[in-house]
């Protein structure tokens, strides 16, 4: 049981390391999930790509709110 969980986590980590930044870049550049699936051969299912898209939107929203409030994550000294 624990071996399966470990292997699943390791697989997701390796795919994210290899392709995650590229996928996030495509979403930030305006690509849709359908377009990514059609034009690229990344080892992600539609559901996994949607998870990345949603987490990216959540991260961007949190950063925008912090910037709006003057609470940047990386303060400039």
N, C-alpha and C. Protein backbone atom coordinates (compact mmCIF):
# COMPACT_ATOMS: atom_id res chain seq x y z
N UNK A 1 0.82 -1.19 0.00
CA UNK A 1 0.00 0.00 0.00
C UNK A 1 0.87 1.26 0.00
N UNK A 2 1.80 1.34 0.94
CA UNK A 2 2.64 2.54 1.02
C UNK A 2 3.57 2.65 -0.18
N UNK A 3 3.96 1.49 -0.74
CA UNK A 3 4.79 1.51 -1.95
C UNK A 3 4.05 2.18 -3.11
N UNK A 4 2.75 1.88 -3.24
CA UNK A 4 1.94 2.48 -4.30
C UNK A 4 1.84 3.99 -4.13
N UNK A 5 1.62 4.42 -2.90
CA UNK A 5 1.52 5.85 -2.63
C UNK A 5 2.84 6.54 -2.93
N UNK A 6 3.94 5.93 -2.51
CA UNK A 6 5.26 6.51 -2.76
C UNK A 6 5.53 6.61 -4.25
N UNK A 7 5.25 5.54 -4.99
CA UNK A 7 5.51 5.55 -6.43
C UNK A 7 4.64 6.58 -7.15
N UNK A 8 3.40 6.73 -6.72
CA UNK A 8 2.52 7.75 -7.31
C UNK A 8 3.08 9.14 -7.07
N UNK A 9 3.48 9.41 -5.84
CA UNK A 9 4.06 10.72 -5.51
C UNK A 9 5.34 10.96 -6.26
N UNK A 10 6.19 9.96 -6.35
CA UNK A 10 7.45 10.09 -7.07
C UNK A 10 7.21 10.37 -8.56
N UNK A 11 6.23 9.69 -9.13
CA UNK A 11 5.90 9.89 -10.53
C UNK A 11 5.40 11.32 -10.77
N UNK A 12 4.52 11.80 -9.91
CA UNK A 12 4.02 13.17 -10.05
C UNK A 12 5.13 14.19 -9.88
N UNK A 13 6.02 13.96 -8.93
CA UNK A 13 7.14 14.87 -8.71
C UNK A 13 8.04 14.92 -9.95
N UNK A 14 8.36 13.77 -10.50
CA UNK A 14 9.24 13.72 -11.68
C UNK A 14 8.60 14.41 -12.88
N UNK A 15 7.30 14.18 -13.11
CA UNK A 15 6.62 14.84 -14.23
C UNK A 15 6.55 16.35 -14.02
N UNK A 16 6.26 16.77 -12.79
CA UNK A 16 6.20 18.20 -12.51
C UNK A 16 7.57 18.85 -12.71
N UNK A 17 8.61 18.17 -12.29
CA UNK A 17 9.96 18.69 -12.45
C UNK A 17 10.30 18.82 -13.94
N UNK A 18 9.92 17.83 -14.72
CA UNK A 18 10.27 17.82 -16.14
C UNK A 18 9.38 18.72 -17.00
N UNK A 19 8.09 18.78 -16.69
CA UNK A 19 7.16 19.47 -17.58
C UNK A 19 6.32 20.57 -16.93
N UNK A 20 6.30 20.63 -15.62
CA UNK A 20 5.41 21.55 -14.92
C UNK A 20 5.61 23.01 -15.29
N UNK A 21 6.85 23.47 -15.32
CA UNK A 21 7.10 24.87 -15.66
C UNK A 21 6.67 25.19 -17.09
N UNK A 22 6.88 24.26 -18.00
CA UNK A 22 6.47 24.47 -19.39
C UNK A 22 4.95 24.60 -19.49
N UNK A 23 4.24 23.74 -18.78
CA UNK A 23 2.78 23.80 -18.82
C UNK A 23 2.28 25.10 -18.20
N UNK A 24 2.86 25.48 -17.05
CA UNK A 24 2.45 26.74 -16.43
C UNK A 24 2.74 27.93 -17.34
N UNK A 25 3.86 27.89 -18.05
CA UNK A 25 4.19 28.95 -19.01
C UNK A 25 3.14 29.03 -20.12
N UNK A 26 2.72 27.88 -20.62
CA UNK A 26 1.71 27.87 -21.68
C UNK A 26 0.40 28.46 -21.18
N UNK A 27 -0.02 28.10 -19.97
CA UNK A 27 -1.24 28.68 -19.42
C UNK A 27 -1.10 30.19 -19.26
N UNK A 28 0.04 30.65 -18.76
CA UNK A 28 0.24 32.09 -18.58
C UNK A 28 0.28 32.81 -19.94
N UNK A 29 0.63 32.09 -21.00
CA UNK A 29 0.68 32.67 -22.33
C UNK A 29 -0.68 32.63 -23.03
N UNK A 30 -1.69 32.13 -22.34
CA UNK A 30 -3.04 32.14 -22.90
C UNK A 30 -3.51 30.84 -23.51
N UNK A 31 -2.73 29.78 -23.41
CA UNK A 31 -3.14 28.50 -23.97
C UNK A 31 -4.28 27.92 -23.14
N UNK A 32 -5.15 27.18 -23.79
CA UNK A 32 -6.21 26.46 -23.10
C UNK A 32 -5.76 25.01 -22.89
N UNK A 33 -6.49 24.31 -22.06
CA UNK A 33 -6.19 22.90 -21.83
C UNK A 33 -6.33 22.11 -23.13
N UNK A 34 -7.37 22.40 -23.89
CA UNK A 34 -7.58 21.70 -25.17
C UNK A 34 -6.41 21.92 -26.11
N UNK A 35 -5.93 23.15 -26.18
CA UNK A 35 -4.83 23.45 -27.09
C UNK A 35 -3.54 22.75 -26.65
N UNK A 36 -3.29 22.72 -25.35
CA UNK A 36 -2.09 22.02 -24.85
C UNK A 36 -2.17 20.54 -25.19
N UNK A 37 -3.34 19.94 -24.97
CA UNK A 37 -3.50 18.52 -25.29
C UNK A 37 -3.33 18.24 -26.78
N UNK A 38 -3.81 19.17 -27.61
CA UNK A 38 -3.76 18.97 -29.06
C UNK A 38 -2.35 19.18 -29.63
N UNK A 39 -1.65 20.21 -29.15
CA UNK A 39 -0.39 20.60 -29.77
C UNK A 39 0.86 20.02 -29.10
N UNK A 40 0.73 19.52 -27.89
CA UNK A 40 1.90 19.03 -27.17
C UNK A 40 1.65 17.61 -26.67
N UNK A 41 2.73 16.90 -26.44
CA UNK A 41 2.64 15.51 -26.01
C UNK A 41 3.19 15.35 -24.60
N UNK A 42 2.60 16.11 -23.67
CA UNK A 42 3.04 16.02 -22.28
C UNK A 42 2.34 14.82 -21.63
N UNK A 43 3.00 14.18 -20.68
CA UNK A 43 2.41 12.99 -20.05
C UNK A 43 1.40 13.34 -18.96
N UNK A 44 0.44 14.19 -19.29
CA UNK A 44 -0.59 14.60 -18.34
C UNK A 44 -1.96 14.28 -18.92
N UNK A 45 -2.86 13.89 -18.05
CA UNK A 45 -4.25 13.72 -18.46
C UNK A 45 -4.93 15.09 -18.41
N UNK A 46 -6.12 15.16 -18.97
CA UNK A 46 -6.89 16.41 -18.93
C UNK A 46 -7.11 16.85 -17.48
N UNK A 47 -7.42 15.90 -16.63
CA UNK A 47 -7.69 16.22 -15.22
C UNK A 47 -6.44 16.80 -14.54
N UNK A 48 -5.28 16.22 -14.84
CA UNK A 48 -4.04 16.72 -14.25
C UNK A 48 -3.70 18.12 -14.76
N UNK A 49 -3.94 18.37 -16.04
CA UNK A 49 -3.70 19.71 -16.58
C UNK A 49 -4.65 20.72 -15.93
N UNK A 50 -5.89 20.33 -15.73
CA UNK A 50 -6.85 21.23 -15.08
C UNK A 50 -6.43 21.54 -13.64
N UNK A 51 -5.88 20.54 -12.94
CA UNK A 51 -5.37 20.78 -11.58
C UNK A 51 -4.26 21.82 -11.60
N UNK A 52 -3.36 21.72 -12.57
CA UNK A 52 -2.27 22.68 -12.70
C UNK A 52 -2.83 24.08 -12.99
N UNK A 53 -3.80 24.16 -13.90
CA UNK A 53 -4.41 25.44 -14.25
C UNK A 53 -5.07 26.08 -13.04
N UNK A 54 -5.82 25.30 -12.29
CA UNK A 54 -6.52 25.82 -11.11
C UNK A 54 -5.52 26.27 -10.05
N UNK A 55 -4.49 25.47 -9.82
CA UNK A 55 -3.50 25.86 -8.81
C UNK A 55 -2.75 27.11 -9.26
N UNK A 56 -2.53 27.26 -10.54
CA UNK A 56 -1.87 28.45 -11.06
C UNK A 56 -2.74 29.68 -10.84
N UNK A 57 -4.03 29.56 -11.09
CA UNK A 57 -4.94 30.68 -10.85
C UNK A 57 -4.98 31.05 -9.38
N UNK A 58 -4.98 30.06 -8.51
CA UNK A 58 -4.99 30.31 -7.07
C UNK A 58 -3.71 31.01 -6.64
N UNK A 59 -2.56 30.54 -7.13
CA UNK A 59 -1.27 31.17 -6.80
C UNK A 59 -1.23 32.61 -7.28
N UNK A 60 -1.68 32.85 -8.51
CA UNK A 60 -1.67 34.21 -9.07
C UNK A 60 -2.59 35.14 -8.29
N UNK A 61 -3.74 34.62 -7.86
CA UNK A 61 -4.69 35.42 -7.09
C UNK A 61 -4.09 35.81 -5.74
N UNK A 62 -3.43 34.88 -5.08
CA UNK A 62 -2.81 35.17 -3.78
C UNK A 62 -1.70 36.20 -3.93
N UNK A 63 -0.88 36.07 -4.99
CA UNK A 63 0.20 37.03 -5.21
C UNK A 63 -0.36 38.41 -5.52
N UNK A 64 -1.42 38.47 -6.32
CA UNK A 64 -2.02 39.76 -6.66
C UNK A 64 -2.60 40.43 -5.42
N UNK A 65 -3.24 39.67 -4.57
CA UNK A 65 -3.81 40.23 -3.34
C UNK A 65 -2.71 40.74 -2.43
N UNK A 66 -1.60 40.01 -2.33
CA UNK A 66 -0.49 40.44 -1.48
C UNK A 66 0.13 41.72 -2.04
N UNK A 67 0.29 41.80 -3.35
CA UNK A 67 0.84 43.01 -3.97
C UNK A 67 -0.09 44.19 -3.77
N UNK A 68 -1.39 43.96 -3.90
CA UNK A 68 -2.37 45.03 -3.74
C UNK A 68 -2.32 45.61 -2.33
N UNK A 69 -2.10 44.74 -1.35
CA UNK A 69 -2.07 45.18 0.03
C UNK A 69 -0.69 45.68 0.44
N UNK A 70 0.26 45.68 -0.49
CA UNK A 70 1.61 46.12 -0.17
C UNK A 70 2.37 45.09 0.64
N UNK A 71 1.96 43.85 0.53
CA UNK A 71 2.60 42.77 1.30
C UNK A 71 3.29 41.79 0.35
N UNK A 72 4.19 42.29 -0.44
CA UNK A 72 4.90 41.46 -1.41
C UNK A 72 5.62 40.34 -0.69
N UNK A 73 5.65 39.15 -1.31
CA UNK A 73 6.32 38.01 -0.71
C UNK A 73 7.82 38.24 -0.61
N UNK A 74 8.39 38.98 -1.54
CA UNK A 74 9.81 39.26 -1.53
C UNK A 74 10.00 40.77 -1.36
N UNK A 75 10.03 41.23 -0.12
CA UNK A 75 10.15 42.68 0.07
C UNK A 75 11.49 43.22 -0.43
N UNK A 76 11.42 44.37 -1.02
CA UNK A 76 12.62 45.04 -1.53
C UNK A 76 13.16 45.91 -0.41
N UNK A 77 14.43 45.76 -0.14
CA UNK A 77 15.02 46.54 0.94
C UNK A 77 15.73 47.75 0.42
